[in-house]
């Protein structure tokens, strides 16, 4: 009898993380991220990107700040050394 190895694939990637990297798993749980293994043979978590929400809060608050609007104009004119306008639109020092 020949065993079809493709039909018996295991989800060893996630199992390996759970068994060998418990600190990462605990960190994800502390952030409220739950890893769920679905019963799809072709589906698997292969990458996870986490972006801090503080950047989103800064972006939102900077848009409504009129003092920063003046500073942005100065940055654009090269009058505020040390400040830059980041590619995401935030004003940074």
N, C-alpha and C. Protein backbone atom coordinates (compact mmCIF):
# COMPACT_ATOMS: atom_id res chain seq x y z
N UNK A 1 0.84 -1.18 0.00
CA UNK A 1 0.00 0.00 0.00
C UNK A 1 0.89 1.24 0.00
N UNK A 2 0.59 2.19 -0.89
CA UNK A 2 1.36 3.44 -0.99
C UNK A 2 0.54 4.56 -0.34
N UNK A 3 1.19 5.32 0.52
CA UNK A 3 0.52 6.42 1.20
C UNK A 3 0.71 7.70 0.39
N UNK A 4 -0.37 8.38 0.15
CA UNK A 4 -0.32 9.66 -0.54
C UNK A 4 0.09 10.74 0.45
N UNK A 5 1.35 11.17 0.38
CA UNK A 5 1.87 12.11 1.38
C UNK A 5 1.21 13.47 1.30
N UNK A 6 0.78 13.91 0.12
CA UNK A 6 0.14 15.22 0.00
C UNK A 6 -1.21 15.26 0.71
N UNK A 7 -1.91 14.15 0.73
CA UNK A 7 -3.21 14.13 1.39
C UNK A 7 -3.06 14.07 2.91
N UNK A 8 -1.86 13.87 3.39
CA UNK A 8 -1.62 13.76 4.83
C UNK A 8 -0.70 14.88 5.33
N UNK A 9 -0.75 16.03 4.65
CA UNK A 9 0.07 17.15 5.08
C UNK A 9 -0.29 17.56 6.51
N UNK A 10 0.70 17.96 7.24
CA UNK A 10 0.45 18.46 8.60
C UNK A 10 0.68 19.95 8.63
N UNK A 11 0.09 20.59 9.57
CA UNK A 11 0.27 22.02 9.77
C UNK A 11 1.41 22.21 10.77
N UNK A 12 2.58 21.68 10.44
CA UNK A 12 3.68 21.69 11.40
C UNK A 12 4.21 23.08 11.69
N UNK A 13 4.05 24.04 10.80
CA UNK A 13 4.55 25.39 11.05
C UNK A 13 3.94 26.01 12.29
N UNK A 14 2.62 25.99 12.39
CA UNK A 14 1.93 26.55 13.54
C UNK A 14 2.19 25.71 14.78
N UNK A 15 2.17 24.39 14.62
CA UNK A 15 2.45 23.52 15.76
C UNK A 15 3.85 23.75 16.31
N UNK A 16 4.80 23.95 15.41
CA UNK A 16 6.18 24.20 15.84
C UNK A 16 6.26 25.49 16.64
N UNK A 17 5.58 26.54 16.18
CA UNK A 17 5.60 27.81 16.91
C UNK A 17 5.00 27.64 18.29
N UNK A 18 3.90 26.94 18.38
CA UNK A 18 3.22 26.77 19.66
C UNK A 18 4.10 25.97 20.62
N UNK A 19 4.79 24.97 20.12
CA UNK A 19 5.58 24.10 20.98
C UNK A 19 6.97 24.63 21.28
N UNK A 20 7.58 25.33 20.34
CA UNK A 20 8.97 25.75 20.53
C UNK A 20 9.15 27.22 20.84
N UNK A 21 8.11 28.03 20.63
CA UNK A 21 8.23 29.47 20.86
C UNK A 21 7.09 29.96 21.73
N UNK A 22 6.97 29.46 22.94
CA UNK A 22 5.84 29.85 23.79
C UNK A 22 5.84 31.33 24.16
N UNK A 23 7.03 31.96 24.18
CA UNK A 23 7.07 33.40 24.50
C UNK A 23 6.36 34.23 23.44
N UNK A 24 6.55 33.85 22.18
CA UNK A 24 5.85 34.57 21.10
C UNK A 24 4.35 34.35 21.22
N UNK A 25 3.95 33.12 21.49
CA UNK A 25 2.52 32.82 21.64
C UNK A 25 1.92 33.61 22.80
N UNK A 26 2.63 33.67 23.93
CA UNK A 26 2.14 34.43 25.09
C UNK A 26 2.03 35.92 24.75
N UNK A 27 3.02 36.43 24.02
CA UNK A 27 2.99 37.84 23.61
C UNK A 27 1.78 38.14 22.74
N UNK A 28 1.49 37.24 21.80
CA UNK A 28 0.31 37.42 20.95
C UNK A 28 -0.96 37.40 21.78
N UNK A 29 -1.03 36.47 22.72
CA UNK A 29 -2.22 36.38 23.58
C UNK A 29 -2.38 37.64 24.42
N UNK A 30 -1.27 38.20 24.92
CA UNK A 30 -1.33 39.43 25.71
C UNK A 30 -1.86 40.61 24.89
N UNK A 31 -1.61 40.57 23.57
CA UNK A 31 -2.09 41.64 22.69
C UNK A 31 -3.52 41.37 22.20
N UNK A 32 -4.09 40.26 22.63
CA UNK A 32 -5.45 39.93 22.22
C UNK A 32 -5.52 39.30 20.84
N UNK A 33 -4.41 38.75 20.36
CA UNK A 33 -4.38 38.10 19.05
C UNK A 33 -4.50 36.61 19.27
N UNK A 34 -5.46 36.02 18.62
CA UNK A 34 -5.69 34.59 18.76
C UNK A 34 -5.37 33.89 17.45
N UNK A 35 -4.55 32.86 17.51
CA UNK A 35 -4.25 32.06 16.33
C UNK A 35 -5.24 30.92 16.26
N UNK A 36 -5.91 30.82 15.13
CA UNK A 36 -6.91 29.77 14.94
C UNK A 36 -6.50 28.95 13.74
N UNK A 37 -6.38 27.66 13.94
CA UNK A 37 -6.02 26.76 12.86
C UNK A 37 -7.31 26.25 12.22
N UNK A 38 -7.56 26.68 11.00
CA UNK A 38 -8.74 26.23 10.27
C UNK A 38 -8.44 24.89 9.62
N UNK A 39 -9.44 24.16 9.34
CA UNK A 39 -9.28 22.81 8.78
C UNK A 39 -9.16 22.81 7.26
N UNK A 40 -8.50 23.81 6.70
CA UNK A 40 -8.28 23.84 5.26
C UNK A 40 -6.87 23.34 4.99
N UNK A 41 -6.73 22.44 4.07
CA UNK A 41 -5.41 21.91 3.75
C UNK A 41 -4.53 22.98 3.12
N UNK A 42 -5.10 23.82 2.27
CA UNK A 42 -4.31 24.81 1.55
C UNK A 42 -4.10 26.10 2.34
N UNK A 43 -4.81 26.31 3.45
CA UNK A 43 -4.70 27.56 4.17
C UNK A 43 -3.73 27.48 5.32
N UNK A 44 -2.91 28.52 5.47
CA UNK A 44 -1.97 28.53 6.57
C UNK A 44 -1.49 29.96 6.81
N UNK A 45 -1.33 30.33 8.04
CA UNK A 45 -0.79 31.64 8.39
C UNK A 45 0.70 31.64 8.07
N UNK A 46 1.12 32.53 7.20
CA UNK A 46 2.53 32.55 6.83
C UNK A 46 3.21 33.85 7.20
N UNK A 47 2.44 34.89 7.49
CA UNK A 47 3.04 36.18 7.87
C UNK A 47 2.06 36.94 8.74
N UNK A 48 2.60 37.72 9.63
CA UNK A 48 1.78 38.54 10.51
C UNK A 48 2.45 39.89 10.63
N UNK A 49 1.72 40.94 10.30
CA UNK A 49 2.26 42.29 10.41
C UNK A 49 1.48 43.04 11.48
N UNK A 50 2.21 43.61 12.41
CA UNK A 50 1.59 44.35 13.50
C UNK A 50 2.03 45.79 13.40
N UNK A 51 1.08 46.70 13.44
CA UNK A 51 1.39 48.12 13.39
C UNK A 51 0.86 48.77 14.66
N UNK A 52 1.71 49.51 15.34
CA UNK A 52 1.24 50.13 16.58
C UNK A 52 0.13 51.14 16.32
N UNK A 53 -0.89 51.11 17.16
CA UNK A 53 -2.01 52.02 16.97
C UNK A 53 -1.66 53.44 17.38
N UNK A 54 -0.56 53.65 18.10
CA UNK A 54 -0.19 55.00 18.51
C UNK A 54 0.10 55.89 17.29
N UNK A 55 0.66 55.31 16.23
CA UNK A 55 0.93 56.08 15.02
C UNK A 55 -0.37 56.59 14.42
N UNK A 56 -1.40 55.74 14.40
CA UNK A 56 -2.70 56.17 13.88
C UNK A 56 -3.28 57.30 14.73
N UNK A 57 -3.12 57.21 16.05
CA UNK A 57 -3.61 58.28 16.93
C UNK A 57 -2.86 59.58 16.67
N UNK A 58 -1.55 59.49 16.49
CA UNK A 58 -0.76 60.69 16.21
C UNK A 58 -1.19 61.31 14.89
N UNK A 59 -1.38 60.48 13.87
CA UNK A 59 -1.81 60.99 12.56
C UNK A 59 -3.14 61.72 12.68
N UNK A 60 -4.08 61.14 13.39
CA UNK A 60 -5.40 61.74 13.55
C UNK A 60 -5.31 63.06 14.30
N UNK A 61 -4.55 63.09 15.38
CA UNK A 61 -4.45 64.30 16.19
C UNK A 61 -3.64 65.40 15.50
N UNK A 62 -2.65 65.03 14.71
CA UNK A 62 -1.87 66.05 14.01
C UNK A 62 -2.68 66.75 12.93
N UNK A 63 -3.63 66.06 12.34
CA UNK A 63 -4.44 66.67 11.27
C UNK A 63 -5.27 67.84 11.78
N UNK A 64 -5.66 67.80 13.05
CA UNK A 64 -6.53 68.83 13.61
C UNK A 64 -5.78 69.93 14.36
N UNK A 65 -4.46 69.91 14.33
CA UNK A 65 -3.66 70.87 15.10
C UNK A 65 -3.18 72.00 14.20
N UNK A 66 -3.72 73.20 14.41
CA UNK A 66 -3.38 74.35 13.56
C UNK A 66 -1.93 74.82 13.78
N UNK A 67 -1.41 74.65 14.99
CA UNK A 67 0.00 75.03 15.23
C UNK A 67 0.93 74.16 14.40
N UNK A 68 0.58 72.91 14.27
CA UNK A 68 1.41 72.01 13.47
C UNK A 68 1.30 72.32 11.98
N UNK A 69 0.17 72.88 11.57
CA UNK A 69 0.04 73.30 10.16
C UNK A 69 1.08 74.35 9.83
N UNK A 70 1.28 75.30 10.74
CA UNK A 70 2.30 76.35 10.52
C UNK A 70 3.70 75.73 10.50
N UNK A 71 3.92 74.79 11.40
CA UNK A 71 5.21 74.12 11.45
C UNK A 71 5.46 73.32 10.17
N UNK A 72 4.42 72.70 9.65
CA UNK A 72 4.54 71.97 8.38
C UNK A 72 4.95 72.91 7.25
N UNK A 73 4.37 74.09 7.23
CA UNK A 73 4.73 75.07 6.20
C UNK A 73 6.20 75.46 6.33
N UNK A 74 6.65 75.64 7.57
CA UNK A 74 8.06 75.97 7.80
C UNK A 74 8.97 74.84 7.35
N UNK A 75 8.56 73.60 7.61
CA UNK A 75 9.36 72.45 7.18
C UNK A 75 9.45 72.43 5.66
N UNK A 76 8.35 72.67 5.00
CA UNK A 76 8.33 72.67 3.54
C UNK A 76 9.24 73.76 2.97
N UNK A 77 9.40 74.86 3.71
CA UNK A 77 10.25 75.97 3.26
C UNK A 77 11.68 75.83 3.77
N UNK A 78 11.95 74.77 4.52
CA UNK A 78 13.29 74.55 5.04
C UNK A 78 13.63 75.41 6.25
N UNK A 79 12.62 75.92 6.95
CA UNK A 79 12.83 76.84 8.07
C UNK A 79 12.79 76.16 9.43
N UNK A 80 12.55 74.88 9.48
CA UNK A 80 12.49 74.16 10.76
C UNK A 80 13.43 72.97 10.73
N UNK A 81 14.73 73.23 10.98
CA UNK A 81 15.69 72.12 10.93
C UNK A 81 15.39 71.09 12.01
N UNK A 82 15.60 69.84 11.67
CA UNK A 82 15.35 68.75 12.60
C UNK A 82 13.98 68.12 12.42
N UNK A 83 13.05 68.86 11.85
CA UNK A 83 11.71 68.33 11.60
C UNK A 83 11.63 67.79 10.18
N UNK A 84 10.85 66.73 10.03
CA UNK A 84 10.58 66.18 8.69
C UNK A 84 9.10 65.83 8.61
N UNK A 85 8.61 65.75 7.40
CA UNK A 85 7.27 65.21 7.17
C UNK A 85 7.50 63.80 6.63
N UNK A 86 7.11 62.82 7.45
CA UNK A 86 7.32 61.41 7.11
C UNK A 86 6.43 61.02 5.95
N UNK A 87 6.76 59.90 5.30
CA UNK A 87 5.97 59.43 4.15
C UNK A 87 4.53 59.11 4.51
N UNK A 88 4.26 58.84 5.80
CA UNK A 88 2.87 58.59 6.23
C UNK A 88 2.13 59.89 6.56
N UNK A 89 2.80 61.02 6.39
CA UNK A 89 2.15 62.31 6.61
C UNK A 89 2.34 62.89 7.99
N UNK A 90 2.96 62.14 8.91
CA UNK A 90 3.16 62.66 10.26
C UNK A 90 4.36 63.58 10.30
N UNK A 91 4.27 64.58 11.17
CA UNK A 91 5.37 65.50 11.41
C UNK A 91 6.24 64.90 12.49
N UNK A 92 7.53 64.78 12.21
CA UNK A 92 8.44 64.12 13.16
C UNK A 92 9.68 64.97 13.37
N UNK A 93 10.27 64.82 14.57
CA UNK A 93 11.50 65.52 14.90
C UNK A 93 12.62 64.51 15.01
